[in-house]
Amino acid sequence: MESLMQQWQSRACNHEFAGESINAPDNLPAGIKQGGFMVTTNRKKVQRWQRGGPKLVHGSLADWRGQRTYDAAVKAIKAWQHLQLGWNCTTGPAQRPGVVICSATQTVVPWSVLPAQVTYSTEGAADFGPKDKAAASPWASSLHGHQLAGEERFSVELHADGSVFYDIYLFSRPDTLLAWASLPW
């Protein structure tokens, strides 16, 4: 996979909005809002799964709260464990801006290589309310050759009350004929 990644090092971003997810969702450029991009956001409180489905829990560390839970979630994001889906393979972790990552995914019969570049990576004090705690986020922008043009941001937040949130934010639009043909009309 590393040799495959080397082939994509010189590719440029396939859209003009690299880094714009840093201000999302409040301050997105009009070009994203009106440029045919699909915007997706998913914000969830980290929770314990129990038989019968998810259950929001409150209380001790065993209930998925606090610094240890936050640290474990940040470690998982830094190791790109959130992208290990079983039906794809992804290059190793890369948290520095400018580093190229690739995911190879089987689409029907052929394999697709989905190159992206880390645009930003932040970790530190948060700014989401009184007694802020911490947040960590890597951002990746798609490169020429990716099926989609866009950017995705994964973040983990530790709030003052000990709750931990996982946030996904992305904007994308098809960038290849295969991607356009695969749209669910």
N, C-alpha and C. Protein backbone atom coordinates (compact mmCIF):
# COMPACT_ATOMS: atom_id res chain seq x y z
N MET A 1 0.83 -1.19 0.00
CA MET A 1 0.00 0.00 0.00
C MET A 1 0.87 1.26 0.00
N GLU A 2 2.03 1.20 0.67
CA GLU A 2 2.90 2.38 0.73
C GLU A 2 3.39 2.78 -0.66
N SER A 3 3.73 1.80 -1.51
CA SER A 3 4.18 2.15 -2.86
C SER A 3 3.03 2.77 -3.66
N LEU A 4 1.83 2.29 -3.42
CA LEU A 4 0.66 2.88 -4.07
C LEU A 4 0.49 4.33 -3.64
N MET A 5 0.68 4.59 -2.37
CA MET A 5 0.53 5.94 -1.85
C MET A 5 1.56 6.88 -2.49
N GLN A 6 2.76 6.40 -2.73
CA GLN A 6 3.80 7.23 -3.33
C GLN A 6 3.38 7.76 -4.70
N GLN A 7 2.59 6.99 -5.44
CA GLN A 7 2.14 7.40 -6.77
C GLN A 7 1.23 8.62 -6.71
N TRP A 8 0.62 8.89 -5.58
CA TRP A 8 -0.35 9.96 -5.46
C TRP A 8 0.23 11.21 -4.81
N GLN A 9 1.50 11.19 -4.43
CA GLN A 9 2.10 12.31 -3.70
C GLN A 9 2.02 13.63 -4.45
N SER A 10 2.12 13.61 -5.76
CA SER A 10 2.16 14.87 -6.52
C SER A 10 0.79 15.34 -6.98
N ARG A 11 -0.27 14.64 -6.60
CA ARG A 11 -1.61 15.03 -7.03
C ARG A 11 -2.09 16.26 -6.27
N ALA A 12 -2.89 17.05 -6.94
CA ALA A 12 -3.47 18.24 -6.31
C ALA A 12 -4.88 17.93 -5.82
N CYS A 13 -5.38 18.77 -4.97
CA CYS A 13 -6.75 18.65 -4.49
C CYS A 13 -7.70 18.79 -5.67
N ASN A 14 -8.79 18.00 -5.70
CA ASN A 14 -9.71 18.03 -6.84
C ASN A 14 -10.90 18.97 -6.64
N HIS A 15 -10.76 19.91 -5.71
CA HIS A 15 -11.78 20.94 -5.52
C HIS A 15 -11.09 22.16 -4.92
N GLU A 16 -11.78 23.29 -4.95
CA GLU A 16 -11.15 24.55 -4.52
C GLU A 16 -11.42 24.91 -3.07
N PHE A 17 -11.95 23.98 -2.29
CA PHE A 17 -12.36 24.33 -0.93
C PHE A 17 -11.56 23.59 0.15
N ALA A 18 -10.32 23.25 -0.13
CA ALA A 18 -9.50 22.53 0.85
C ALA A 18 -9.38 23.32 2.14
N GLY A 19 -9.65 22.66 3.23
CA GLY A 19 -9.54 23.28 4.54
C GLY A 19 -10.77 23.98 5.04
N GLU A 20 -11.81 24.03 4.25
CA GLU A 20 -13.00 24.80 4.64
C GLU A 20 -13.86 24.11 5.70
N SER A 21 -13.65 22.81 5.92
CA SER A 21 -14.44 22.16 6.96
C SER A 21 -14.05 22.62 8.36
N ILE A 22 -12.93 23.32 8.47
CA ILE A 22 -12.50 23.83 9.77
C ILE A 22 -13.53 24.79 10.35
N ASN A 23 -14.26 25.48 9.51
CA ASN A 23 -15.26 26.45 9.95
C ASN A 23 -16.69 25.91 9.92
N ALA A 24 -16.85 24.66 9.59
CA ALA A 24 -18.18 24.09 9.43
C ALA A 24 -18.81 23.82 10.78
N PRO A 25 -20.11 23.82 10.84
CA PRO A 25 -21.03 24.08 9.74
C PRO A 25 -21.42 25.54 9.59
N ASP A 26 -20.96 26.40 10.49
CA ASP A 26 -21.45 27.78 10.51
C ASP A 26 -20.96 28.67 9.37
N ASN A 27 -19.72 28.54 8.96
CA ASN A 27 -19.14 29.49 8.01
C ASN A 27 -18.65 28.83 6.73
N LEU A 28 -19.48 28.05 6.09
CA LEU A 28 -19.09 27.43 4.82
C LEU A 28 -19.19 28.44 3.69
N PRO A 29 -18.25 28.40 2.74
CA PRO A 29 -18.33 29.29 1.59
C PRO A 29 -19.58 29.02 0.75
N ALA A 30 -20.07 30.04 0.09
CA ALA A 30 -21.26 29.90 -0.76
C ALA A 30 -21.03 28.86 -1.84
N GLY A 31 -19.80 28.72 -2.32
CA GLY A 31 -19.49 27.74 -3.36
C GLY A 31 -19.77 26.31 -2.94
N ILE A 32 -19.64 26.02 -1.67
CA ILE A 32 -19.98 24.69 -1.17
C ILE A 32 -21.48 24.55 -1.08
N LYS A 33 -22.12 25.55 -0.53
CA LYS A 33 -23.58 25.50 -0.35
C LYS A 33 -24.32 25.45 -1.68
N GLN A 34 -23.80 26.12 -2.70
CA GLN A 34 -24.49 26.22 -3.98
C GLN A 34 -23.78 25.46 -5.10
N GLY A 35 -22.69 24.77 -4.80
CA GLY A 35 -21.88 24.15 -5.84
C GLY A 35 -22.12 22.68 -6.06
N GLY A 36 -23.27 22.17 -5.66
CA GLY A 36 -23.59 20.78 -5.90
C GLY A 36 -22.98 19.82 -4.88
N PHE A 37 -22.44 20.34 -3.79
CA PHE A 37 -21.86 19.48 -2.76
C PHE A 37 -22.95 18.96 -1.84
N MET A 38 -22.85 17.70 -1.48
CA MET A 38 -23.70 17.11 -0.46
C MET A 38 -23.00 17.35 0.87
N VAL A 39 -23.70 17.89 1.84
CA VAL A 39 -23.12 18.15 3.15
C VAL A 39 -23.72 17.16 4.14
N THR A 40 -22.86 16.46 4.87
CA THR A 40 -23.30 15.46 5.83
C THR A 40 -22.67 15.75 7.17
N THR A 41 -23.46 15.66 8.21
CA THR A 41 -22.92 15.81 9.55
C THR A 41 -23.57 14.77 10.46
N ASN A 42 -22.78 14.25 11.37
CA ASN A 42 -23.27 13.26 12.30
C ASN A 42 -22.54 13.48 13.62
N ARG A 43 -23.26 13.88 14.63
CA ARG A 43 -22.67 14.17 15.93
C ARG A 43 -23.33 13.26 16.96
N LYS A 44 -22.53 12.47 17.64
CA LYS A 44 -23.07 11.50 18.59
C LYS A 44 -22.31 11.57 19.91
N LYS A 45 -23.04 11.37 20.96
CA LYS A 45 -22.43 11.21 22.27
C LYS A 45 -21.88 9.79 22.34
N VAL A 46 -20.64 9.64 22.79
CA VAL A 46 -20.07 8.30 22.93
C VAL A 46 -20.91 7.55 23.95
N GLN A 47 -21.29 6.34 23.58
CA GLN A 47 -22.23 5.59 24.40
C GLN A 47 -21.85 4.12 24.46
N ARG A 48 -22.41 3.43 25.37
CA ARG A 48 -22.16 2.00 25.52
C ARG A 48 -23.26 1.25 24.76
N TRP A 49 -22.85 0.24 23.99
CA TRP A 49 -23.84 -0.58 23.29
C TRP A 49 -24.26 -1.71 24.20
N GLN A 50 -25.55 -1.91 24.31
CA GLN A 50 -26.08 -3.00 25.11
C GLN A 50 -27.03 -3.81 24.24
N ARG A 51 -27.33 -5.00 24.69
CA ARG A 51 -28.27 -5.82 23.94
C ARG A 51 -29.57 -5.04 23.76
N GLY A 52 -30.07 -5.03 22.54
CA GLY A 52 -31.28 -4.28 22.26
C GLY A 52 -31.01 -2.90 21.69
N GLY A 53 -29.74 -2.57 21.48
CA GLY A 53 -29.42 -1.29 20.86
C GLY A 53 -28.63 -0.38 21.76
N PRO A 54 -28.40 0.83 21.29
CA PRO A 54 -27.58 1.76 22.05
C PRO A 54 -28.35 2.35 23.22
N LYS A 55 -27.63 2.69 24.24
CA LYS A 55 -28.25 3.33 25.40
C LYS A 55 -27.33 4.46 25.85
N LEU A 56 -27.86 5.67 25.93
CA LEU A 56 -27.08 6.78 26.46
C LEU A 56 -26.91 6.55 27.95
N VAL A 57 -25.68 6.71 28.41
CA VAL A 57 -25.40 6.45 29.81
C VAL A 57 -24.77 7.67 30.45
N HIS A 58 -24.89 7.76 31.74
CA HIS A 58 -24.31 8.87 32.49
C HIS A 58 -23.63 8.29 33.72
N GLY A 59 -22.56 8.92 34.17
CA GLY A 59 -21.93 8.49 35.41
C GLY A 59 -20.44 8.31 35.31
N SER A 60 -19.99 7.12 35.67
CA SER A 60 -18.57 6.88 35.85
C SER A 60 -17.85 6.63 34.54
N LEU A 61 -16.53 6.45 34.66
CA LEU A 61 -15.69 6.14 33.50
C LEU A 61 -16.18 4.88 32.80
N ALA A 62 -16.65 3.91 33.56
CA ALA A 62 -17.16 2.69 32.96
C ALA A 62 -18.35 2.97 32.06
N ASP A 63 -18.95 4.13 32.24
CA ASP A 63 -20.08 4.52 31.41
C ASP A 63 -19.66 5.38 30.21
N TRP A 64 -18.40 5.27 29.79
CA TRP A 64 -17.90 5.93 28.59
C TRP A 64 -17.87 7.44 28.73
N ARG A 65 -17.31 7.91 29.83
CA ARG A 65 -17.18 9.34 30.06
C ARG A 65 -15.76 9.62 30.51
N GLY A 66 -15.38 10.87 30.45
CA GLY A 66 -14.15 11.31 31.07
C GLY A 66 -12.91 11.27 30.19
N GLN A 67 -11.79 11.61 30.82
CA GLN A 67 -10.52 11.76 30.13
C GLN A 67 -10.04 10.47 29.48
N ARG A 68 -10.19 9.33 30.17
CA ARG A 68 -9.71 8.06 29.58
C ARG A 68 -10.49 7.71 28.32
N THR A 69 -11.78 7.92 28.34
CA THR A 69 -12.59 7.66 27.15
C THR A 69 -12.18 8.59 26.01
N TYR A 70 -12.00 9.86 26.32
CA TYR A 70 -11.55 10.84 25.32
C TYR A 70 -10.20 10.43 24.76
N ASP A 71 -9.25 10.09 25.62
CA ASP A 71 -7.91 9.70 25.17
C ASP A 71 -7.96 8.47 24.26
N ALA A 72 -8.80 7.50 24.60
CA ALA A 72 -8.95 6.30 23.76
C ALA A 72 -9.54 6.65 22.40
N ALA A 73 -10.51 7.56 22.37
CA ALA A 73 -11.12 7.97 21.10
C ALA A 73 -10.12 8.73 20.24
N VAL A 74 -9.33 9.62 20.84
CA VAL A 74 -8.31 10.36 20.10
C VAL A 74 -7.27 9.39 19.54
N LYS A 75 -6.86 8.42 20.33
CA LYS A 75 -5.89 7.42 19.87
C LYS A 75 -6.43 6.64 18.67
N ALA A 76 -7.71 6.29 18.71
CA ALA A 76 -8.33 5.56 17.59
C ALA A 76 -8.35 6.41 16.32
N ILE A 77 -8.67 7.69 16.45
CA ILE A 77 -8.68 8.57 15.28
C ILE A 77 -7.27 8.74 14.73
N LYS A 78 -6.29 8.93 15.61
CA LYS A 78 -4.91 9.11 15.16
C LYS A 78 -4.37 7.87 14.45
N ALA A 79 -4.89 6.71 14.80
CA ALA A 79 -4.47 5.46 14.16
C ALA A 79 -5.35 5.12 12.96
N TRP A 80 -6.28 6.00 12.61
CA TRP A 80 -7.23 5.82 11.51
C TRP A 80 -8.06 4.56 11.69
N GLN A 81 -8.28 4.12 12.92
CA GLN A 81 -9.09 2.93 13.16
C GLN A 81 -10.54 3.12 12.73
N HIS A 82 -10.99 4.35 12.66
CA HIS A 82 -12.37 4.61 12.25
C HIS A 82 -12.57 4.34 10.76
N LEU A 83 -11.49 4.14 10.00
CA LEU A 83 -11.60 3.85 8.57
C LEU A 83 -11.36 2.38 8.25
N GLN A 84 -11.14 1.54 9.24
CA GLN A 84 -10.92 0.11 9.02
C GLN A 84 -12.27 -0.58 8.99
N LEU A 85 -12.80 -0.76 7.79
CA LEU A 85 -14.17 -1.25 7.64
C LEU A 85 -14.28 -2.72 7.27
N GLY A 86 -13.14 -3.37 6.97
CA GLY A 86 -13.17 -4.77 6.62
C GLY A 86 -13.23 -5.02 5.13
N TRP A 87 -13.81 -4.13 4.36
CA TRP A 87 -13.92 -4.31 2.92
C TRP A 87 -13.04 -3.32 2.17
N ASN A 88 -12.15 -2.68 2.90
CA ASN A 88 -11.21 -1.75 2.29
C ASN A 88 -9.87 -1.86 3.00
N CYS A 89 -8.86 -1.23 2.47
CA CYS A 89 -7.59 -1.13 3.17
C CYS A 89 -7.12 0.32 3.05
N THR A 90 -6.48 0.80 4.09
CA THR A 90 -6.08 2.19 4.18
C THR A 90 -4.63 2.27 4.61
N THR A 91 -3.91 3.25 4.06
CA THR A 91 -2.52 3.44 4.49
C THR A 91 -2.48 3.81 5.96
N GLY A 92 -1.30 3.71 6.51
CA GLY A 92 -1.11 3.97 7.93
C GLY A 92 -1.50 5.37 8.34
N PRO A 93 -1.50 5.60 9.64
CA PRO A 93 -1.92 6.90 10.17
C PRO A 93 -1.01 8.03 9.70
N ALA A 94 -1.62 9.16 9.49
CA ALA A 94 -0.89 10.36 9.06
C ALA A 94 -1.61 11.57 9.62
N GLN A 95 -1.00 12.25 10.53
CA GLN A 95 -1.66 13.38 11.17
C GLN A 95 -1.06 14.72 10.78
N ARG A 96 0.01 14.71 10.02
CA ARG A 96 0.64 15.98 9.65
C ARG A 96 0.02 16.53 8.37
N PRO A 97 -0.26 17.82 8.34
CA PRO A 97 -0.76 18.44 7.11
C PRO A 97 0.20 18.19 5.95
N GLY A 98 -0.39 17.88 4.80
CA GLY A 98 0.40 17.63 3.60
C GLY A 98 0.65 16.16 3.31
N VAL A 99 0.45 15.29 4.29
CA VAL A 99 0.69 13.87 4.11
C VAL A 99 -0.47 13.26 3.32
N VAL A 100 -0.13 12.42 2.33
CA VAL A 100 -1.14 11.76 1.50
C VAL A 100 -1.51 10.42 2.11
N ILE A 101 -2.79 10.15 2.16
CA ILE A 101 -3.30 8.85 2.59
C ILE A 101 -4.12 8.27 1.45
N CYS A 102 -4.20 6.96 1.38
CA CYS A 102 -4.99 6.30 0.34
C CYS A 102 -5.83 5.20 0.97
N SER A 103 -7.01 5.06 0.47
CA SER A 103 -7.88 3.96 0.83
C SER A 103 -8.20 3.23 -0.46
N ALA A 104 -8.10 1.92 -0.46
CA ALA A 104 -8.45 1.12 -1.62
C ALA A 104 -9.73 0.37 -1.29
N THR A 105 -10.71 0.49 -2.15
CA THR A 105 -12.03 -0.06 -1.90
C THR A 105 -12.49 -0.82 -3.14
N GLN A 106 -13.08 -2.00 -2.93
CA GLN A 106 -13.60 -2.75 -4.06
C GLN A 106 -14.99 -2.23 -4.39
N THR A 107 -15.14 -1.71 -5.61
CA THR A 107 -16.44 -1.22 -6.08
C THR A 107 -16.91 -2.16 -7.18
N VAL A 108 -17.88 -2.97 -6.88
CA VAL A 108 -18.41 -4.01 -7.76
C VAL A 108 -17.27 -4.98 -8.09
N VAL A 109 -16.64 -4.86 -9.25
CA VAL A 109 -15.54 -5.74 -9.62
C VAL A 109 -14.19 -5.03 -9.46
N PRO A 110 -14.00 -3.82 -10.01
CA PRO A 110 -12.68 -3.20 -9.91
C PRO A 110 -12.43 -2.62 -8.52
N TRP A 111 -11.17 -2.42 -8.22
CA TRP A 111 -10.79 -1.73 -6.99
C TRP A 111 -10.61 -0.26 -7.30
N SER A 112 -11.04 0.59 -6.41
CA SER A 112 -10.85 2.04 -6.54
C SER A 112 -9.86 2.49 -5.49
N VAL A 113 -8.93 3.33 -5.91
CA VAL A 113 -8.00 3.95 -4.97
C VAL A 113 -8.52 5.36 -4.71
N LEU A 114 -8.66 5.68 -3.46
CA LEU A 114 -9.24 6.96 -3.06
C LEU A 114 -8.17 7.78 -2.33
N PRO A 115 -7.41 8.60 -3.07
CA PRO A 115 -6.35 9.38 -2.43
C PRO A 115 -6.89 10.65 -1.78
N ALA A 116 -6.31 10.98 -0.66
CA ALA A 116 -6.67 12.21 0.05
C ALA A 116 -5.41 12.75 0.72
N GLN A 117 -5.48 13.99 1.10
CA GLN A 117 -4.35 14.64 1.75
C GLN A 117 -4.82 15.26 3.05
N VAL A 118 -4.04 15.07 4.11
CA VAL A 118 -4.37 15.70 5.38
C VAL A 118 -4.21 17.20 5.20
N THR A 119 -5.28 17.93 5.39
CA THR A 119 -5.28 19.38 5.21
C THR A 119 -4.93 20.08 6.51
N TYR A 120 -5.58 19.68 7.59
CA TYR A 120 -5.34 20.24 8.92
C TYR A 120 -5.42 19.12 9.93
N SER A 121 -4.77 19.32 11.05
CA SER A 121 -4.90 18.42 12.18
C SER A 121 -4.75 19.26 13.43
N THR A 122 -5.76 19.25 14.27
CA THR A 122 -5.71 20.08 15.48
C THR A 122 -5.92 19.21 16.71
N GLU A 123 -5.35 19.65 17.79
CA GLU A 123 -5.57 18.99 19.06
C GLU A 123 -5.27 20.01 20.15
N GLY A 124 -6.12 20.08 21.12
CA GLY A 124 -5.87 21.01 22.20
C GLY A 124 -7.14 21.53 22.84
N ALA A 125 -7.05 22.71 23.38
CA ALA A 125 -8.19 23.32 24.07
C ALA A 125 -9.34 23.52 23.09
N ALA A 126 -10.53 23.38 23.60
CA ALA A 126 -11.73 23.49 22.76
C ALA A 126 -12.39 24.84 22.95
N ASP A 127 -13.33 25.13 22.08
CA ASP A 127 -14.08 26.38 22.15
C ASP A 127 -15.55 26.08 21.87
N PHE A 128 -16.19 25.37 22.79
CA PHE A 128 -17.59 25.04 22.58
C PHE A 128 -18.46 25.28 23.80
N GLY A 129 -18.02 26.12 24.71
CA GLY A 129 -18.87 26.46 25.83
C GLY A 129 -18.09 26.75 27.09
N PRO A 130 -18.81 27.04 28.17
CA PRO A 130 -18.15 27.34 29.43
C PRO A 130 -17.32 26.16 29.92
N LYS A 131 -16.21 26.45 30.51
CA LYS A 131 -15.31 25.43 31.06
C LYS A 131 -14.91 24.42 29.99
N ASP A 132 -14.55 24.91 28.81
CA ASP A 132 -14.14 24.05 27.70
C ASP A 132 -13.07 23.07 28.15
N LYS A 133 -13.02 21.94 27.50
CA LYS A 133 -12.01 20.94 27.80
C LYS A 133 -11.09 20.78 26.59
N ALA A 134 -11.31 19.73 25.78
CA ALA A 134 -10.37 19.43 24.71
C ALA A 134 -11.09 18.92 23.47
N ALA A 135 -10.42 19.07 22.33
CA ALA A 135 -10.93 18.54 21.06
C ALA A 135 -9.75 18.14 20.19
N ALA A 136 -9.96 17.12 19.36
CA ALA A 136 -8.94 16.67 18.41
C ALA A 136 -9.63 16.39 17.09
N SER A 137 -9.04 16.84 15.99
CA SER A 137 -9.66 16.67 14.68
C SER A 137 -8.61 16.55 13.58
N PRO A 138 -8.67 15.51 12.75
CA PRO A 138 -7.94 15.53 11.49
C PRO A 138 -8.92 15.85 10.35
N TRP A 139 -8.44 16.56 9.34
CA TRP A 139 -9.23 16.87 8.15
C TRP A 139 -8.50 16.30 6.95
N ALA A 140 -9.22 15.78 6.00
CA ALA A 140 -8.61 15.26 4.78
C ALA A 140 -9.40 15.75 3.58
N SER A 141 -8.68 16.21 2.56
CA SER A 141 -9.29 16.65 1.31
C SER A 141 -8.97 15.64 0.22
N SER A 142 -9.94 15.37 -0.63
CA SER A 142 -9.73 14.42 -1.72
C SER A 142 -8.80 15.02 -2.78
N LEU A 143 -8.05 14.13 -3.44
CA LEU A 143 -7.12 14.53 -4.50
C LEU A 143 -7.64 14.05 -5.85
N HIS A 144 -7.06 14.57 -6.94
CA HIS A 144 -7.42 14.09 -8.27
C HIS A 144 -7.22 12.58 -8.32
N GLY A 145 -8.23 11.88 -8.82
CA GLY A 145 -8.22 10.43 -8.86
C GLY A 145 -9.18 9.82 -7.86
N HIS A 146 -9.63 10.59 -6.89
CA HIS A 146 -10.62 10.14 -5.90
C HIS A 146 -11.99 10.14 -6.58
N GLN A 147 -12.86 9.23 -6.18
CA GLN A 147 -14.20 9.16 -6.76
C GLN A 147 -15.03 10.40 -6.45
N LEU A 148 -14.76 11.03 -5.32
CA LEU A 148 -15.51 12.20 -4.89
C LEU A 148 -14.59 13.40 -4.74
N ALA A 149 -15.14 14.58 -4.92
CA ALA A 149 -14.42 15.82 -4.62
C ALA A 149 -15.00 16.33 -3.31
N GLY A 150 -14.15 16.55 -2.33
CA GLY A 150 -14.68 17.04 -1.07
C GLY A 150 -13.69 16.94 0.06
N GLU A 151 -14.22 17.03 1.25
CA GLU A 151 -13.39 17.04 2.45
C GLU A 151 -14.16 16.39 3.59
N GLU A 152 -13.45 15.73 4.46
CA GLU A 152 -14.08 15.13 5.62
C GLU A 152 -13.30 15.47 6.88
N ARG A 153 -14.04 15.65 7.96
CA ARG A 153 -13.45 15.99 9.25
C ARG A 153 -14.00 15.02 10.28
N PHE A 154 -13.11 14.46 11.08
CA PHE A 154 -13.49 13.59 12.19
C PHE A 154 -12.99 14.27 13.45
N SER A 155 -13.84 14.43 14.44
CA SER A 155 -13.36 15.07 15.67
C SER A 155 -13.95 14.39 16.89
N VAL A 156 -13.21 14.52 17.98
CA VAL A 156 -13.62 14.01 19.28
C VAL A 156 -13.55 15.18 20.24
N GLU A 157 -14.56 15.32 21.08
CA GLU A 157 -14.61 16.44 22.04
C GLU A 157 -14.82 15.90 23.45
N LEU A 158 -14.12 16.50 24.40
CA LEU A 158 -14.33 16.23 25.81
C LEU A 158 -14.91 17.49 26.43
N HIS A 159 -16.13 17.38 26.93
CA HIS A 159 -16.80 18.54 27.51
C HIS A 159 -16.56 18.61 29.02
N ALA A 160 -16.84 19.78 29.59
CA ALA A 160 -16.58 20.03 31.01
C ALA A 160 -17.32 19.05 31.92
N ASP A 161 -18.48 18.57 31.49
CA ASP A 161 -19.24 17.63 32.32
C ASP A 161 -18.74 16.20 32.19
N GLY A 162 -17.66 15.99 31.42
CA GLY A 162 -17.10 14.66 31.24
C GLY A 162 -17.65 13.90 30.05
N SER A 163 -18.66 14.44 29.39
CA SER A 163 -19.22 13.75 28.22
C SER A 163 -18.24 13.86 27.06
N VAL A 164 -18.24 12.82 26.23
CA VAL A 164 -17.36 12.75 25.07
C VAL A 164 -18.24 12.64 23.83
N PHE A 165 -17.96 13.48 22.84
CA PHE A 165 -18.72 13.47 21.59
C PHE A 165 -17.80 13.13 20.42
N TYR A 166 -18.34 12.38 19.45
CA TYR A 166 -17.66 12.07 18.21
C TYR A 166 -18.43 12.78 17.11
N ASP A 167 -17.73 13.52 16.27
CA ASP A 167 -18.38 14.34 15.26
C ASP A 167 -17.79 14.04 13.89
N ILE A 168 -18.65 13.82 12.92
CA ILE A 168 -18.22 13.62 11.53
C ILE A 168 -18.85 14.74 10.72
N TYR A 169 -18.06 15.37 9.90
CA TYR A 169 -18.58 16.42 9.02
C TYR A 169 -17.91 16.26 7.67
N LEU A 170 -18.68 16.25 6.60
CA LEU A 170 -18.08 16.17 5.27
C LEU A 170 -18.93 16.88 4.25
N PHE A 171 -18.25 17.31 3.20
CA PHE A 171 -18.96 17.79 2.03
C PHE A 171 -18.31 17.12 0.83
N SER A 172 -19.14 16.70 -0.12
CA SER A 172 -18.60 16.00 -1.28
C SER A 172 -19.58 16.07 -2.45
N ARG A 173 -19.04 15.83 -3.62
CA ARG A 173 -19.84 15.68 -4.83
C ARG A 173 -19.09 14.69 -5.73
N PRO A 174 -19.80 13.99 -6.60
CA PRO A 174 -19.14 13.04 -7.49
C PRO A 174 -18.09 13.73 -8.35
N ASP A 175 -16.96 13.05 -8.57
CA ASP A 175 -15.89 13.63 -9.38
C ASP A 175 -15.47 12.72 -10.53
N THR A 176 -16.09 11.55 -10.64
CA THR A 176 -15.78 10.64 -11.75
C THR A 176 -17.08 10.13 -12.34
N LEU A 177 -17.00 9.59 -13.53
CA LEU A 177 -18.18 9.03 -14.19
C LEU A 177 -18.79 7.90 -13.36
N LEU A 178 -17.94 7.04 -12.79
CA LEU A 178 -18.44 5.95 -11.95
C LEU A 178 -19.21 6.50 -10.75
N ALA A 179 -18.70 7.55 -10.14
CA ALA A 179 -19.38 8.15 -8.98
C ALA A 179 -20.72 8.77 -9.40
N TRP A 180 -20.75 9.46 -10.53
CA TRP A 180 -22.01 10.04 -11.02
C TRP A 180 -23.03 8.94 -11.31
N ALA A 181 -22.56 7.85 -11.95
CA ALA A 181 -23.46 6.75 -12.30
C ALA A 181 -23.99 6.02 -11.06
N SER A 182 -23.27 6.13 -9.96
CA SER A 182 -23.65 5.43 -8.73
C SER A 182 -24.58 6.24 -7.83
N LEU A 183 -24.90 7.46 -8.22
CA LEU A 183 -25.79 8.28 -7.40
C LEU A 183 -27.16 7.63 -7.26
N PRO A 184 -27.72 7.63 -6.06
CA PRO A 184 -29.07 7.06 -5.87
C PRO A 184 -30.13 8.08 -6.27
N TRP A 185 -30.58 8.06 -7.49
CA TRP A 185 -31.58 9.02 -7.98
C TRP A 185 -32.88 8.65 -7.47
